């Protein structure tokens, strides 16, 4: 059973495609590879993305170029949120 689960979830079901010259999506693609993210991340519209089963807004922090995800009333770092 474990082997079947490993086989089924060894790759991302929906591949993320970054739009040209979109810095946020280039950074998302970097994190997908770096953190070996296996759940789908799909653009819905503007800065709204489907991340796994959550609809979340992603912004780029102008101070240090990191990605921030809107959660509740505030923002958390993208990598911290997806690792939960």
PDB file of N, CA and C in Angstrom:
ATOM      1  N   UNK A   1       0.816  -1.192   0.000  1.00  0.00           N
ATOM      2  CA  UNK A   1       0.000   0.000   0.000  1.00  0.00           C
ATOM      3  C   UNK A   1       0.865   1.262   0.000  1.00  0.00           C
ATOM      4  N   UNK A   2       1.921   1.259   0.815  1.00  0.00           N
ATOM      5  CA  UNK A   2       2.805   2.424   0.868  1.00  0.00           C
ATOM      6  C   UNK A   2       3.456   2.682  -0.484  1.00  0.00           C
ATOM      7  N   UNK A   3       3.844   1.618  -1.166  1.00  0.00           N
ATOM      8  CA  UNK A   3       4.472   1.777  -2.477  1.00  0.00           C
ATOM      9  C   UNK A   3       3.488   2.384  -3.474  1.00  0.00           C
ATOM     10  N   UNK A   4       2.226   1.955  -3.418  1.00  0.00           N
ATOM     11  CA  UNK A   4       1.218   2.518  -4.317  1.00  0.00           C
ATOM     12  C   UNK A   4       1.030   4.014  -4.066  1.00  0.00           C
ATOM     13  N   UNK A   5       0.996   4.412  -2.810  1.00  0.00           N
ATOM     14  CA  UNK A   5       0.865   5.832  -2.474  1.00  0.00           C
ATOM     15  C   UNK A   5       2.092   6.605  -2.955  1.00  0.00           C
ATOM     16  N   UNK A   6       3.270   6.025  -2.740  1.00  0.00           N
ATOM     17  CA  UNK A   6       4.496   6.683  -3.207  1.00  0.00           C
ATOM     18  C   UNK A   6       4.474   6.867  -4.717  1.00  0.00           C
ATOM     19  N   UNK A   7       4.007   5.856  -5.438  1.00  0.00           N
ATOM     20  CA  UNK A   7       3.934   5.942  -6.896  1.00  0.00           C
ATOM     21  C   UNK A   7       2.921   6.997  -7.343  1.00  0.00           C
ATOM     22  N   UNK A   8       1.768   7.012  -6.685  1.00  0.00           N
ATOM     23  CA  UNK A   8       0.718   7.969  -7.061  1.00  0.00           C
ATOM     24  C   UNK A   8       1.109   9.409  -6.792  1.00  0.00           C
ATOM     25  N   UNK A   9       1.810   9.644  -5.688  1.00  0.00           N
ATOM     26  CA  UNK A   9       2.114  11.004  -5.271  1.00  0.00           C
ATOM     27  C   UNK A   9       3.585  11.360  -5.428  1.00  0.00           C
ATOM     28  N   UNK A  10       4.263  10.690  -6.318  1.00  0.00           N
ATOM     29  CA  UNK A  10       5.680  10.967  -6.530  1.00  0.00           C
ATOM     30  C   UNK A  10       5.913  12.194  -7.396  1.00  0.00           C
ATOM     31  N   UNK A  11       4.893  12.629  -8.117  1.00  0.00           N
ATOM     32  CA  UNK A  11       5.033  13.780  -8.998  1.00  0.00           C
ATOM     33  C   UNK A  11       3.820  14.691  -8.830  1.00  0.00           C
ATOM     34  N   UNK A  12       3.979  15.943  -9.212  1.00  0.00           N
ATOM     35  CA  UNK A  12       2.898  16.911  -9.109  1.00  0.00           C
ATOM     36  C   UNK A  12       1.803  16.568 -10.106  1.00  0.00           C
ATOM     37  N   UNK A  13       0.532  16.532  -9.660  1.00  0.00           N
ATOM     38  CA  UNK A  13      -0.552  16.176 -10.585  1.00  0.00           C
ATOM     39  C   UNK A  13      -0.786  17.232 -11.668  1.00  0.00           C
ATOM     40  N   UNK A  14      -0.562  18.492 -11.335  1.00  0.00           N
ATOM     41  CA  UNK A  14      -0.712  19.582 -12.302  1.00  0.00           C
ATOM     42  C   UNK A  14       0.581  20.378 -12.281  1.00  0.00           C
ATOM     43  N   UNK A  15       1.286  20.420 -13.384  1.00  0.00           N
ATOM     44  CA  UNK A  15       2.554  21.146 -13.469  1.00  0.00           C
ATOM     45  C   UNK A  15       2.311  22.652 -13.453  1.00  0.00           C
ATOM     46  N   UNK A  16       3.122  23.381 -12.684  1.00  0.00           N
ATOM     47  CA  UNK A  16       3.024  24.833 -12.625  1.00  0.00           C
ATOM     48  C   UNK A  16       3.764  25.436 -13.807  1.00  0.00           C
ATOM     49  N   UNK A  17       3.131  26.376 -14.491  1.00  0.00           N
ATOM     50  CA  UNK A  17       3.769  27.061 -15.616  1.00  0.00           C
ATOM     51  C   UNK A  17       3.808  28.546 -15.311  1.00  0.00           C
ATOM     52  N   UNK A  18       5.013  29.069 -15.156  1.00  0.00           N
ATOM     53  CA  UNK A  18       5.185  30.492 -14.873  1.00  0.00           C
ATOM     54  C   UNK A  18       5.004  31.302 -16.151  1.00  0.00           C
ATOM     55  N   UNK A  19       4.249  32.396 -16.045  1.00  0.00           N
ATOM     56  CA  UNK A  19       4.098  33.293 -17.189  1.00  0.00           C
ATOM     57  C   UNK A  19       5.393  34.066 -17.389  1.00  0.00           C
ATOM     58  N   UNK A  20       5.695  34.403 -18.620  1.00  0.00           N
ATOM     59  CA  UNK A  20       6.928  35.112 -18.938  1.00  0.00           C
ATOM     60  C   UNK A  20       6.971  36.453 -18.217  1.00  0.00           C
ATOM     61  N   UNK A  21       8.158  36.790 -17.712  1.00  0.00           N
ATOM     62  CA  UNK A  21       8.444  38.068 -17.060  1.00  0.00           C
ATOM     63  C   UNK A  21       7.576  38.322 -15.832  1.00  0.00           C
ATOM     64  N   UNK A  22       7.066  37.269 -15.197  1.00  0.00           N
ATOM     65  CA  UNK A  22       6.284  37.420 -13.973  1.00  0.00           C
ATOM     66  C   UNK A  22       7.162  36.962 -12.813  1.00  0.00           C
ATOM     67  N   UNK A  23       7.673  37.914 -12.046  1.00  0.00           N
ATOM     68  CA  UNK A  23       8.639  37.609 -10.988  1.00  0.00           C
ATOM     69  C   UNK A  23       8.045  36.737  -9.888  1.00  0.00           C
ATOM     70  N   UNK A  24       6.781  36.962  -9.559  1.00  0.00           N
ATOM     71  CA  UNK A  24       6.140  36.153  -8.528  1.00  0.00           C
ATOM     72  C   UNK A  24       6.087  34.693  -8.969  1.00  0.00           C
ATOM     73  N   UNK A  25       5.675  34.459 -10.196  1.00  0.00           N
ATOM     74  CA  UNK A  25       5.552  33.078 -10.679  1.00  0.00           C
ATOM     75  C   UNK A  25       6.910  32.418 -10.883  1.00  0.00           C
ATOM     76  N   UNK A  26       7.917  33.191 -11.238  1.00  0.00           N
ATOM     77  CA  UNK A  26       9.264  32.628 -11.332  1.00  0.00           C
ATOM     78  C   UNK A  26       9.737  32.176  -9.956  1.00  0.00           C
ATOM     79  N   UNK A  27       9.397  32.953  -8.928  1.00  0.00           N
ATOM     80  CA  UNK A  27       9.769  32.607  -7.557  1.00  0.00           C
ATOM     81  C   UNK A  27       8.974  31.384  -7.084  1.00  0.00           C
ATOM     82  N   UNK A  28       7.686  31.311  -7.447  1.00  0.00           N
ATOM     83  CA  UNK A  28       6.878  30.133  -7.096  1.00  0.00           C
ATOM     84  C   UNK A  28       7.507  28.885  -7.716  1.00  0.00           C
ATOM     85  N   UNK A  29       7.877  28.987  -8.978  1.00  0.00           N
ATOM     86  CA  UNK A  29       8.506  27.844  -9.668  1.00  0.00           C
ATOM     87  C   UNK A  29       9.802  27.432  -8.967  1.00  0.00           C
ATOM     88  N   UNK A  30      10.585  28.414  -8.522  1.00  0.00           N
ATOM     89  CA  UNK A  30      11.815  28.138  -7.785  1.00  0.00           C
ATOM     90  C   UNK A  30      11.500  27.349  -6.509  1.00  0.00           C
ATOM     91  N   UNK A  31      10.503  27.815  -5.742  1.00  0.00           N
ATOM     92  CA  UNK A  31      10.145  27.139  -4.497  1.00  0.00           C
ATOM     93  C   UNK A  31       9.596  25.736  -4.747  1.00  0.00           C
ATOM     94  N   UNK A  32       8.836  25.549  -5.818  1.00  0.00           N
ATOM     95  CA  UNK A  32       8.316  24.219  -6.145  1.00  0.00           C
ATOM     96  C   UNK A  32       9.471  23.238  -6.318  1.00  0.00           C
ATOM     97  N   UNK A  33      10.514  23.663  -7.021  1.00  0.00           N
ATOM     98  CA  UNK A  33      11.674  22.800  -7.234  1.00  0.00           C
ATOM     99  C   UNK A  33      12.507  22.656  -5.962  1.00  0.00           C
ATOM    100  N   UNK A  34      12.752  23.770  -5.288  1.00  0.00           N
ATOM    101  CA  UNK A  34      13.621  23.775  -4.105  1.00  0.00           C
ATOM    102  C   UNK A  34      13.019  22.982  -2.945  1.00  0.00           C
ATOM    103  N   UNK A  35      11.719  23.151  -2.711  1.00  0.00           N
ATOM    104  CA  UNK A  35      11.045  22.496  -1.594  1.00  0.00           C
ATOM    105  C   UNK A  35      10.383  21.181  -1.989  1.00  0.00           C
ATOM    106  N   UNK A  36      10.521  20.797  -3.268  1.00  0.00           N
ATOM    107  CA  UNK A  36       9.931  19.571  -3.808  1.00  0.00           C
ATOM    108  C   UNK A  36       8.430  19.498  -3.503  1.00  0.00           C
ATOM    109  N   UNK A  37       7.720  20.578  -3.837  1.00  0.00           N
ATOM    110  CA  UNK A  37       6.284  20.663  -3.605  1.00  0.00           C
ATOM    111  C   UNK A  37       5.569  19.744  -4.583  1.00  0.00           C
ATOM    112  N   UNK A  38       4.689  18.897  -4.068  1.00  0.00           N
ATOM    113  CA  UNK A  38       3.984  17.914  -4.889  1.00  0.00           C
ATOM    114  C   UNK A  38       2.517  18.253  -5.115  1.00  0.00           C
ATOM    115  N   UNK A  39       1.954  19.208  -4.367  1.00  0.00           N
ATOM    116  CA  UNK A  39       0.549  19.564  -4.562  1.00  0.00           C
ATOM    117  C   UNK A  39       0.453  20.656  -5.619  1.00  0.00           C
ATOM    118  N   UNK A  40      -0.704  20.766  -6.285  1.00  0.00           N
ATOM    119  CA  UNK A  40      -0.834  21.725  -7.381  1.00  0.00           C
ATOM    120  C   UNK A  40      -0.887  23.181  -6.904  1.00  0.00           C
ATOM    121  N   UNK A  41      -0.287  24.047  -7.701  1.00  0.00           N
ATOM    122  CA  UNK A  41      -0.393  25.493  -7.518  1.00  0.00           C
ATOM    123  C   UNK A  41      -0.824  26.037  -8.869  1.00  0.00           C
ATOM    124  N   UNK A  42      -2.005  26.673  -8.895  1.00  0.00           N
ATOM    125  CA  UNK A  42      -2.605  27.101 -10.149  1.00  0.00           C
ATOM    126  C   UNK A  42      -3.065  28.552 -10.025  1.00  0.00           C
ATOM    127  N   UNK A  43      -2.774  29.355 -11.028  1.00  0.00           N
ATOM    128  CA  UNK A  43      -3.248  30.738 -11.065  1.00  0.00           C
ATOM    129  C   UNK A  43      -4.754  30.746 -11.275  1.00  0.00           C
ATOM    130  N   UNK A  44      -5.472  31.499 -10.442  1.00  0.00           N
ATOM    131  CA  UNK A  44      -6.905  31.698 -10.642  1.00  0.00           C
ATOM    132  C   UNK A  44      -7.112  32.990 -11.410  1.00  0.00           C
ATOM    133  N   UNK A  45      -6.613  34.108 -10.855  1.00  0.00           N
ATOM    134  CA  UNK A  45      -6.630  35.396 -11.544  1.00  0.00           C
ATOM    135  C   UNK A  45      -5.781  36.382 -10.754  1.00  0.00           C
ATOM    136  N   UNK A  46      -5.243  37.359 -11.446  1.00  0.00           N
ATOM    137  CA  UNK A  46      -4.419  38.407 -10.833  1.00  0.00           C
ATOM    138  C   UNK A  46      -3.379  37.810  -9.891  1.00  0.00           C
ATOM    139  N   UNK A  47      -3.513  38.038  -8.574  1.00  0.00           N
ATOM    140  CA  UNK A  47      -2.561  37.496  -7.602  1.00  0.00           C
ATOM    141  C   UNK A  47      -3.205  36.433  -6.706  1.00  0.00           C
ATOM    142  N   UNK A  48      -4.300  35.837  -7.197  1.00  0.00           N
ATOM    143  CA  UNK A  48      -5.024  34.790  -6.472  1.00  0.00           C
ATOM    144  C   UNK A  48      -4.656  33.427  -7.068  1.00  0.00           C
ATOM    145  N   UNK A  49      -4.223  32.524  -6.199  1.00  0.00           N
ATOM    146  CA  UNK A  49      -3.770  31.202  -6.634  1.00  0.00           C
ATOM    147  C   UNK A  49      -4.487  30.113  -5.846  1.00  0.00           C
ATOM    148  N   UNK A  50      -4.657  28.976  -6.484  1.00  0.00           N
ATOM    149  CA  UNK A  50      -5.116  27.773  -5.807  1.00  0.00           C
ATOM    150  C   UNK A  50      -3.859  27.026  -5.393  1.00  0.00           C
ATOM    151  N   UNK A  51      -3.655  26.913  -4.091  1.00  0.00           N
ATOM    152  CA  UNK A  51      -2.480  26.227  -3.556  1.00  0.00           C
ATOM    153  C   UNK A  51      -3.000  25.011  -2.805  1.00  0.00           C
ATOM    154  N   UNK A  52      -2.845  23.849  -3.416  1.00  0.00           N
ATOM    155  CA  UNK A  52      -3.468  22.653  -2.860  1.00  0.00           C
ATOM    156  C   UNK A  52      -4.969  22.809  -2.984  1.00  0.00           C
ATOM    157  N   UNK A  53      -5.664  22.927  -1.863  1.00  0.00           N
ATOM    158  CA  UNK A  53      -7.113  23.135  -1.893  1.00  0.00           C
ATOM    159  C   UNK A  53      -7.508  24.519  -1.372  1.00  0.00           C
ATOM    160  N   UNK A  54      -6.512  25.388  -1.155  1.00  0.00           N
ATOM    161  CA  UNK A  54      -6.773  26.727  -0.615  1.00  0.00           C
ATOM    162  C   UNK A  54      -6.664  27.797  -1.702  1.00  0.00           C
ATOM    163  N   UNK A  55      -7.553  28.774  -1.651  1.00  0.00           N
ATOM    164  CA  UNK A  55      -7.451  29.957  -2.519  1.00  0.00           C
ATOM    165  C   UNK A  55      -6.730  31.030  -1.726  1.00  0.00           C
ATOM    166  N   UNK A  56      -5.529  31.415  -2.191  1.00  0.00           N
ATOM    167  CA  UNK A  56      -4.708  32.363  -1.437  1.00  0.00           C
ATOM    168  C   UNK A  56      -4.129  33.438  -2.348  1.00  0.00           C
ATOM    169  N   UNK A  57      -3.972  34.619  -1.771  1.00  0.00           N
ATOM    170  CA  UNK A  57      -3.347  35.735  -2.474  1.00  0.00           C
ATOM    171  C   UNK A  57      -1.847  35.706  -2.188  1.00  0.00           C
ATOM    172  N   UNK A  58      -1.052  35.863  -3.245  1.00  0.00           N
ATOM    173  CA  UNK A  58       0.407  35.888  -3.102  1.00  0.00           C
ATOM    174  C   UNK A  58       0.915  37.248  -3.553  1.00  0.00           C
ATOM    175  N   UNK A  59       1.736  37.862  -2.728  1.00  0.00           N
ATOM    176  CA  UNK A  59       2.370  39.148  -3.037  1.00  0.00           C
ATOM    177  C   UNK A  59       3.872  38.979  -2.896  1.00  0.00           C
ATOM    178  N   UNK A  60       4.606  39.885  -3.539  1.00  0.00           N
ATOM    179  CA  UNK A  60       6.059  39.872  -3.387  1.00  0.00           C
ATOM    180  C   UNK A  60       6.449  41.011  -2.461  1.00  0.00           C
ATOM    181  N   UNK A  61       7.212  40.693  -1.425  1.00  0.00           N
ATOM    182  CA  UNK A  61       7.684  41.688  -0.473  1.00  0.00           C
ATOM    183  C   UNK A  61       8.740  42.541  -1.165  1.00  0.00           C
ATOM    184  N   UNK A  62       8.501  43.830  -1.234  1.00  0.00           N
ATOM    185  CA  UNK A  62       9.419  44.722  -1.961  1.00  0.00           C
ATOM    186  C   UNK A  62      10.749  44.910  -1.228  1.00  0.00           C
ATOM    187  N   UNK A  63      10.772  44.674   0.080  1.00  0.00           N
ATOM    188  CA  UNK A  63      12.002  44.878   0.854  1.00  0.00           C
ATOM    189  C   UNK A  63      13.062  43.816   0.583  1.00  0.00           C
ATOM    190  N   UNK A  64      12.640  42.542   0.555  1.00  0.00           N
ATOM    191  CA  UNK A  64      13.649  41.488   0.427  1.00  0.00           C
ATOM    192  C   UNK A  64      13.324  40.459  -0.650  1.00  0.00           C
ATOM    193  N   UNK A  65      12.394  40.773  -1.528  1.00  0.00           N
ATOM    194  CA  UNK A  65      12.104  39.924  -2.689  1.00  0.00           C
ATOM    195  C   UNK A  65      11.478  38.577  -2.332  1.00  0.00           C
ATOM    196  N   UNK A  66      11.006  38.403  -1.089  1.00  0.00           N
ATOM    197  CA  UNK A  66      10.389  37.131  -0.724  1.00  0.00           C
ATOM    198  C   UNK A  66       8.899  37.147  -1.058  1.00  0.00           C
ATOM    199  N   UNK A  67       8.316  35.962  -1.163  1.00  0.00           N
ATOM    200  CA  UNK A  67       6.886  35.848  -1.440  1.00  0.00           C
ATOM    201  C   UNK A  67       6.124  35.773  -0.135  1.00  0.00           C
ATOM    202  N   UNK A  68       4.983  36.461  -0.100  1.00  0.00           N
ATOM    203  CA  UNK A  68       4.136  36.480   1.074  1.00  0.00           C
ATOM    204  C   UNK A  68       2.747  35.985   0.690  1.00  0.00           C
ATOM    205  N   UNK A  69       2.141  35.168   1.554  1.00  0.00           N
ATOM    206  CA  UNK A  69       0.816  34.602   1.331  1.00  0.00           C
ATOM    207  C   UNK A  69      -0.137  35.217   2.351  1.00  0.00           C
ATOM    208  N   UNK A  70      -1.272  35.697   1.869  1.00  0.00           N
ATOM    209  CA  UNK A  70      -2.263  36.272   2.782  1.00  0.00           C
ATOM    210  C   UNK A  70      -3.020  35.144   3.462  1.00  0.00           C
ATOM    211  N   UNK A  71      -2.915  35.119   4.787  1.00  0.00           N
ATOM    212  CA  UNK A  71      -3.576  34.110   5.603  1.00  0.00           C
ATOM    213  C   UNK A  71      -4.288  34.834   6.736  1.00  0.00           C
ATOM    214  N   UNK A  72      -5.599  34.689   6.789  1.00  0.00           N
ATOM    215  CA  UNK A  72      -6.361  35.397   7.814  1.00  0.00           C
ATOM    216  C   UNK A  72      -6.252  36.895   7.592  1.00  0.00           C
ATOM    217  N   UNK A  73      -5.841  37.625   8.615  1.00  0.00           N
ATOM    218  CA  UNK A  73      -5.718  39.079   8.510  1.00  0.00           C
ATOM    219  C   UNK A  73      -4.313  39.562   8.228  1.00  0.00           C
ATOM    220  N   UNK A  74      -3.387  38.671   7.955  1.00  0.00           N
ATOM    221  CA  UNK A  74      -2.003  39.089   7.739  1.00  0.00           C
ATOM    222  C   UNK A  74      -1.323  38.266   6.668  1.00  0.00           C
ATOM    223  N   UNK A  75      -0.014  38.405   6.613  1.00  0.00           N
ATOM    224  CA  UNK A  75       0.785  37.695   5.617  1.00  0.00           C
ATOM    225  C   UNK A  75       1.838  36.842   6.308  1.00  0.00           C
ATOM    226  N   UNK A  76       2.110  35.681   5.706  1.00  0.00           N
ATOM    227  CA  UNK A  76       3.207  34.822   6.151  1.00  0.00           C
ATOM    228  C   UNK A  76       4.062  34.493   4.937  1.00  0.00           C
ATOM    229  N   UNK A  77       5.294  34.089   5.184  1.00  0.00           N
ATOM    230  CA  UNK A  77       6.185  33.733   4.076  1.00  0.00           C
ATOM    231  C   UNK A  77       5.632  32.516   3.344  1.00  0.00           C
ATOM    232  N   UNK A  78       5.740  32.555   2.036  1.00  0.00           N
ATOM    233  CA  UNK A  78       5.240  31.470   1.178  1.00  0.00           C
ATOM    234  C   UNK A  78       5.803  30.129   1.606  1.00  0.00           C
ATOM    235  N   UNK A  79       7.125  30.057   1.769  1.00  0.00           N
ATOM    236  CA  UNK A  79       7.759  28.775   2.084  1.00  0.00           C
ATOM    237  C   UNK A  79       7.305  28.242   3.437  1.00  0.00           C
ATOM    238  N   UNK A  80       7.054  29.120   4.412  1.00  0.00           N
ATOM    239  CA  UNK A  80       6.578  28.666   5.718  1.00  0.00           C
ATOM    240  C   UNK A  80       5.172  28.092   5.605  1.00  0.00           C
ATOM    241  N   UNK A  81       4.330  28.755   4.825  1.00  0.00           N
ATOM    242  CA  UNK A  81       2.947  28.306   4.697  1.00  0.00           C
ATOM    243  C   UNK A  81       2.840  26.964   3.974  1.00  0.00           C
ATOM    244  N   UNK A  82       3.569  26.800   2.885  1.00  0.00           N
ATOM    245  CA  UNK A  82       3.446  25.549   2.123  1.00  0.00           C
ATOM    246  C   UNK A  82       4.086  24.363   2.829  1.00  0.00           C
ATOM    247  N   UNK A  83       5.004  24.622   3.735  1.00  0.00           N
ATOM    248  CA  UNK A  83       5.632  23.525   4.466  1.00  0.00           C
ATOM    249  C   UNK A  83       4.739  22.995   5.589  1.00  0.00           C
ATOM    250  N   UNK A  84       3.691  23.723   5.968  1.00  0.00           N
ATOM    251  CA  UNK A  84       2.780  23.265   7.031  1.00  0.00           C
ATOM    252  C   UNK A  84       1.937  22.106   6.591  1.00  0.00           C
TER     253      UNK A  84
END
